[in-house]
Amino acid sequence: MNIHSIFHQLLTIVLFLLFFIASFGQSQLAINNAQLQTVQQSNKALNVVYQKFLKQYSTDREFVKNVKIAQRLWVQLRDADVKMKYPNRPAGYYVSAQPMCEASYRTELTQQRTKMLPIWLTGIEEGDICAGSARILN
């Protein structure tokens, strides 16, 4: 083998690796973007429930005031939980999947909140002496 053929083989390998890395990065970018859209969808679903709260309880000023406080604090807690799980680190610490992982965790927390809140809209069975402000079904 002469030096020209070795150089050509090395160049081919380098180009293949660059192509592979570039295509992986684009795929990861697409996955990250898709997960960010999922976060936006889960936020919209939560906001729908929140707006129903405000409308259904519009005459109960004390409850609405407390719902607004609780929701604001919950958003802060959710964001703090995400930062706790994924603290700021130097670039590359979490690899390229970090935005996807972070968004996935944020989505999971938001979906949990969205599932928890509707009892105030639909009501609960009679007999729960600790129902608090949740409506009792008749």
Protein backbone atom coordinates (compact mmCIF):
# COMPACT_ATOMS: atom_id res chain seq x y z
CA MET A 1 0.00 0.00 0.00
CA ASN A 2 1.28 3.40 -0.85
CA ILE A 3 0.74 6.53 1.16
CA HIS A 4 -1.88 7.79 -1.27
CA SER A 5 -4.15 4.75 -0.76
CA ILE A 6 -3.71 4.90 3.03
CA PHE A 7 -4.63 8.58 2.96
CA HIS A 8 -7.66 7.81 0.78
CA GLN A 9 -8.83 5.07 3.20
CA LEU A 10 -8.37 7.35 6.20
CA LEU A 11 -10.24 10.14 4.46
CA THR A 12 -13.10 7.75 3.67
CA ILE A 13 -13.28 6.66 7.31
CA VAL A 14 -13.20 10.25 8.56
CA LEU A 15 -15.92 11.31 6.12
CA PHE A 16 -18.04 8.33 7.14
CA LEU A 17 -17.62 9.21 10.83
CA LEU A 18 -18.46 12.86 10.19
CA PHE A 19 -21.57 11.85 8.24
CA PHE A 20 -22.59 9.45 11.02
CA ILE A 21 -22.08 12.07 13.73
CA ALA A 22 -23.94 14.72 11.72
CA SER A 23 -26.89 12.43 11.03
CA PHE A 24 -27.06 11.36 14.69
CA GLY A 25 -27.02 14.98 15.80
CA GLN A 26 -29.86 15.82 13.48
CA SER A 27 -31.83 12.84 14.69
CA GLN A 28 -31.23 13.80 18.32
CA LEU A 29 -32.19 17.38 17.49
CA ALA A 30 -35.43 16.13 15.96
CA ILE A 31 -36.11 14.00 19.04
CA ASN A 32 -35.35 16.96 21.34
CA ASN A 33 -37.72 19.19 19.34
CA ALA A 34 -40.47 16.56 19.41
CA GLN A 35 -40.14 16.26 23.19
CA LEU A 36 -40.30 20.05 23.54
CA GLN A 37 -43.57 19.97 21.60
CA THR A 38 -44.84 17.36 24.05
CA VAL A 39 -44.00 19.73 26.92
CA GLN A 40 -46.00 22.46 25.20
CA GLN A 41 -48.95 20.10 24.72
CA SER A 42 -48.91 19.04 28.37
CA ASN A 43 -48.73 22.70 29.44
CA LYS A 44 -51.75 23.46 27.25
CA ALA A 45 -53.70 20.55 28.77
CA LEU A 46 -52.88 21.80 32.26
CA ASN A 47 -53.91 25.32 31.29
CA VAL A 48 -57.28 24.02 30.05
CA VAL A 49 -57.94 22.48 33.48
CA TYR A 50 -56.70 25.66 35.19
CA GLN A 51 -59.01 27.87 33.10
CA LYS A 52 -61.95 25.57 33.95
CA PHE A 53 -61.11 26.07 37.63
CA LEU A 54 -61.19 29.81 37.26
CA LYS A 55 -64.49 29.71 35.39
CA GLN A 56 -66.26 27.10 37.55
CA TYR A 57 -65.25 28.78 40.80
CA SER A 58 -65.40 32.39 39.61
CA THR A 59 -67.80 33.37 42.40
CA ASP A 60 -65.60 31.86 45.13
CA ARG A 61 -62.92 34.55 45.36
CA GLU A 62 -61.05 32.91 48.22
CA PHE A 63 -60.79 29.60 46.37
CA VAL A 64 -59.71 31.27 43.12
CA LYS A 65 -57.08 33.30 44.99
CA ASN A 66 -55.71 30.12 46.55
CA VAL A 67 -55.80 28.21 43.24
CA LYS A 68 -53.73 30.97 41.61
CA ILE A 69 -51.22 30.93 44.47
CA ALA A 70 -51.00 27.13 44.43
CA GLN A 71 -50.55 26.98 40.67
CA ARG A 72 -47.83 29.64 40.64
CA LEU A 73 -45.98 27.84 43.44
CA TRP A 74 -46.47 24.45 41.75
CA VAL A 75 -44.89 25.77 38.52
CA GLN A 76 -41.93 27.02 40.57
CA LEU A 77 -41.67 23.61 42.30
CA ARG A 78 -41.87 21.74 38.98
CA ASP A 79 -39.13 23.92 37.49
CA ALA A 80 -37.00 23.51 40.63
CA ASP A 81 -37.45 19.72 40.48
CA VAL A 82 -36.26 19.73 36.88
CA LYS A 83 -33.20 21.81 37.88
CA MET A 84 -32.56 19.45 40.79
CA LYS A 85 -32.55 16.45 38.45
CA TYR A 86 -30.58 18.26 35.73
CA PRO A 87 -28.44 20.95 37.40
CA ASN A 88 -26.45 23.32 35.21
CA ARG A 89 -23.30 21.53 34.17
CA PRO A 90 -20.57 22.18 31.60
CA ALA A 91 -21.52 21.64 27.96
CA GLY A 92 -21.58 17.96 27.06
CA TYR A 93 -22.03 16.73 30.64
CA TYR A 94 -25.46 15.26 29.89
CA VAL A 95 -24.66 14.54 26.22
CA SER A 96 -26.95 15.59 23.40
CA ALA A 97 -30.03 13.89 24.86
CA GLN A 98 -30.23 16.24 27.85
CA PRO A 99 -32.86 18.58 26.34
CA MET A 100 -35.01 15.54 25.55
CA CYS A 101 -34.58 14.07 29.03
CA GLU A 102 -35.27 17.38 30.73
CA ALA A 103 -38.37 17.98 28.61
CA SER A 104 -39.58 14.45 29.26
CA TYR A 105 -39.31 14.93 33.02
CA ARG A 106 -41.07 18.31 32.83
CA THR A 107 -43.86 16.66 30.81
CA GLU A 108 -44.19 13.84 33.35
CA LEU A 109 -44.55 16.28 36.25
CA THR A 110 -47.06 18.42 34.34
CA GLN A 111 -49.16 15.41 33.41
CA GLN A 112 -49.23 14.30 37.05
CA ARG A 113 -50.53 17.73 38.04
CA THR A 114 -53.11 17.71 35.26
CA LYS A 115 -54.44 14.32 36.45
CA MET A 116 -54.59 15.46 40.07
CA LEU A 117 -56.61 18.66 39.63
CA PRO A 118 -59.90 17.52 38.04
CA ILE A 119 -61.39 16.25 41.31
CA TRP A 120 -62.30 19.87 42.03
CA LEU A 121 -64.12 20.02 38.71
CA THR A 122 -65.84 16.63 38.74
CA GLY A 123 -66.28 16.18 42.48
CA ILE A 124 -65.63 13.21 44.75
CA GLU A 125 -67.78 10.56 46.41
CA GLU A 126 -69.56 11.47 49.60
CA GLY A 127 -67.93 10.17 52.76
CA ASP A 128 -64.44 11.66 52.47
CA ILE A 129 -64.35 13.78 55.62
CA CYS A 130 -61.09 15.35 54.44
CA ALA A 131 -62.44 16.44 51.03
CA GLY A 132 -61.77 20.06 51.86
CA SER A 133 -62.79 22.34 49.02
CA ALA A 134 -63.48 19.48 46.55
CA ARG A 135 -67.15 19.23 45.68
CA ILE A 136 -69.06 16.22 46.95
CA LEU A 137 -71.02 14.28 44.33
CA ASN A 138 -74.75 14.04 44.99
